[in-house]
Every structure is written in C-alpha cells, then in structure tokens.
Protein backbone atom coordinates (compact mmCIF):
# COMPACT_ATOMS: atom_id res chain seq x y z
CA MET A 1 -13.76 7.22 -9.48
CA LYS A 2 -9.97 7.46 -9.21
CA PHE A 3 -10.28 8.46 -5.57
CA TRP A 4 -13.46 6.84 -4.26
CA PHE A 5 -12.75 3.28 -5.42
CA PRO A 6 -9.44 2.92 -3.54
CA LEU A 7 -10.92 4.82 -0.60
CA ALA A 8 -13.71 2.23 -0.41
CA ILE A 9 -11.09 -0.54 -0.42
CA ASP A 10 -9.22 1.22 2.37
CA ALA A 11 -12.43 1.62 4.36
CA VAL A 12 -13.14 -2.11 4.06
CA ILE A 13 -9.61 -2.92 5.23
CA ALA A 14 -9.98 -0.55 8.18
CA ALA A 15 -13.34 -2.09 9.07
CA ILE A 16 -11.78 -5.57 9.03
CA ALA A 17 -8.96 -4.36 11.30
CA VAL A 18 -11.45 -2.81 13.74
CA PHE A 19 -13.49 -6.02 13.73
CA PHE A 20 -10.44 -8.13 14.57
CA PHE A 21 -9.44 -5.64 17.26
CA PHE A 22 -12.79 -5.90 19.02
CA ALA A 23 -12.89 -9.67 18.51
CA GLY A 24 -9.44 -9.83 20.10
CA LEU A 25 -10.62 -7.73 23.00
CA ALA A 26 -13.54 -10.10 23.50
CA ASP A 27 -11.49 -13.29 23.50
CA GLY A 28 -8.48 -11.86 25.32
CA SER A 29 -5.90 -12.07 22.55
CA VAL A 30 -5.56 -8.27 22.57
CA SER A 31 -3.93 -7.63 25.90
CA SER A 32 -1.54 -5.19 27.52
CA PHE A 33 1.28 -7.04 25.77
CA ASN A 34 0.20 -6.03 22.25
CA ILE A 35 -2.21 -3.12 22.75
CA GLU A 36 0.46 -0.65 21.60
CA LEU A 37 0.83 -2.52 18.33
CA TRP A 38 -2.93 -2.54 17.79
CA GLY A 39 -3.06 1.14 18.65
CA CYS A 40 -0.41 1.93 16.05
CA ILE A 41 -2.20 -0.13 13.41
CA LEU A 42 -5.57 1.48 14.07
CA LEU A 43 -4.05 4.96 14.32
CA GLY A 44 -2.20 4.42 11.04
CA LEU A 45 -5.33 3.25 9.25
CA GLY A 46 -7.36 6.13 10.62
CA SER A 47 -4.65 8.62 9.69
CA LEU A 48 -4.46 7.23 6.18
CA LEU A 49 -8.21 7.46 5.65
CA GLY A 50 -8.63 10.80 7.37
CA GLY A 51 -5.51 12.28 5.82
CA SER A 52 -6.55 11.35 2.31
CA LEU A 53 -9.97 12.92 2.83
CA TRP A 54 -8.39 16.00 4.37
CA PHE A 55 -5.90 16.46 1.52
CA ARG A 56 -8.68 16.03 -1.02
CA ALA A 57 -10.80 18.63 0.77
CA LYS A 58 -7.84 21.04 0.75
CA GLY A 59 -7.48 20.61 -3.03
CA GLN A 60 -4.30 18.54 -3.02
CA ARG A 61 -5.67 15.63 -4.97
CA GLY A 62 -2.29 14.18 -5.94
CA ILE A 63 -1.20 13.62 -2.34
CA ALA A 64 -4.66 12.27 -1.52
CA LEU A 65 -4.45 9.75 -4.37
CA VAL A 66 -1.01 8.60 -3.25
CA LEU A 67 -2.27 8.10 0.30
CA VAL A 68 -5.30 6.06 -0.76
CA TRP A 69 -3.33 3.89 -3.14
CA LEU A 70 -0.70 3.11 -0.49
CA LEU A 71 -3.07 0.62 1.08
CA ALA A 72 -5.37 -0.19 -1.83
CA ALA A 73 -2.66 -1.37 -4.25
CA PRO A 74 -1.27 -4.18 -2.03
CA ALA A 75 -4.82 -5.19 -1.12
CA LEU A 76 -5.79 -5.50 -4.78
CA LEU A 77 -2.63 -7.48 -5.52
CA GLY A 78 -3.44 -9.82 -2.63
CA VAL A 79 -6.97 -10.34 -3.95
CA LEU A 80 -5.58 -11.05 -7.43
CA LEU A 81 -3.16 -13.59 -5.96
CA LEU A 82 -5.97 -15.28 -4.06
CA LEU A 83 -8.12 -15.42 -7.20
CA ALA A 84 -5.23 -16.83 -9.22
CA ILE A 85 -4.71 -19.56 -6.63
CA LEU A 86 -8.42 -20.40 -6.55
CA ILE A 87 -8.79 -20.46 -10.32
CA SER A 88 -5.58 -22.32 -11.21
CA ASN A 89 -6.07 -24.99 -8.51
CA PRO A 90 -2.34 -25.63 -8.01
CA ARG A 91 -0.83 -28.85 -6.73
CA TRP A 92 0.92 -28.13 -3.45
CA ASN A 93 2.97 -31.33 -3.20
C-alpha cells in the first residue's frame, strides 16, 4: 500500500500528461518550438515511473518509495488545496 497508492497517483498524472501531449499534437499547440520541452516532460515521467518499478524489483524499496513520492506528494497537496478552496468558498474580492 505504501508503494502502490503513490504509484497509481503518478500513473494518473502521467496519463494526463500524455493526453495533453496528444491533444496538443492534434490542435497544433505542440510544435517544433516546444517539442523538446514535451519530450523532457514525458521522458521524466516515464523515467520516474519505470525507475521506481525497477528499483522495487531490484529490492531497493527505499529509493523506489522516494521516487514515487517525488511526484505524488505535490499532487496530493494540490488536490487538498483544490478541495479546501471548493469547501471553504472564499471571497475573491
């Protein structure tokens, strides 16, 4: 549970990034100007997911947990912030 829950969060984040990449390819917003940036983002996400699974398979669970939580912790904090904003219904003026 300590490994698979943040890995699932990371997989959802990676799937969202891949979706936006292909949507950008379809509408033309991903072009030769920013394809290197998209490549780095997708390569980083893939390396993070694959590296954490590889380290876990090699028996180095501590490094694998650190890798998975690198992306899952900020995502969970962002979701908590969004929920706090939705629940508290702040006045923006």
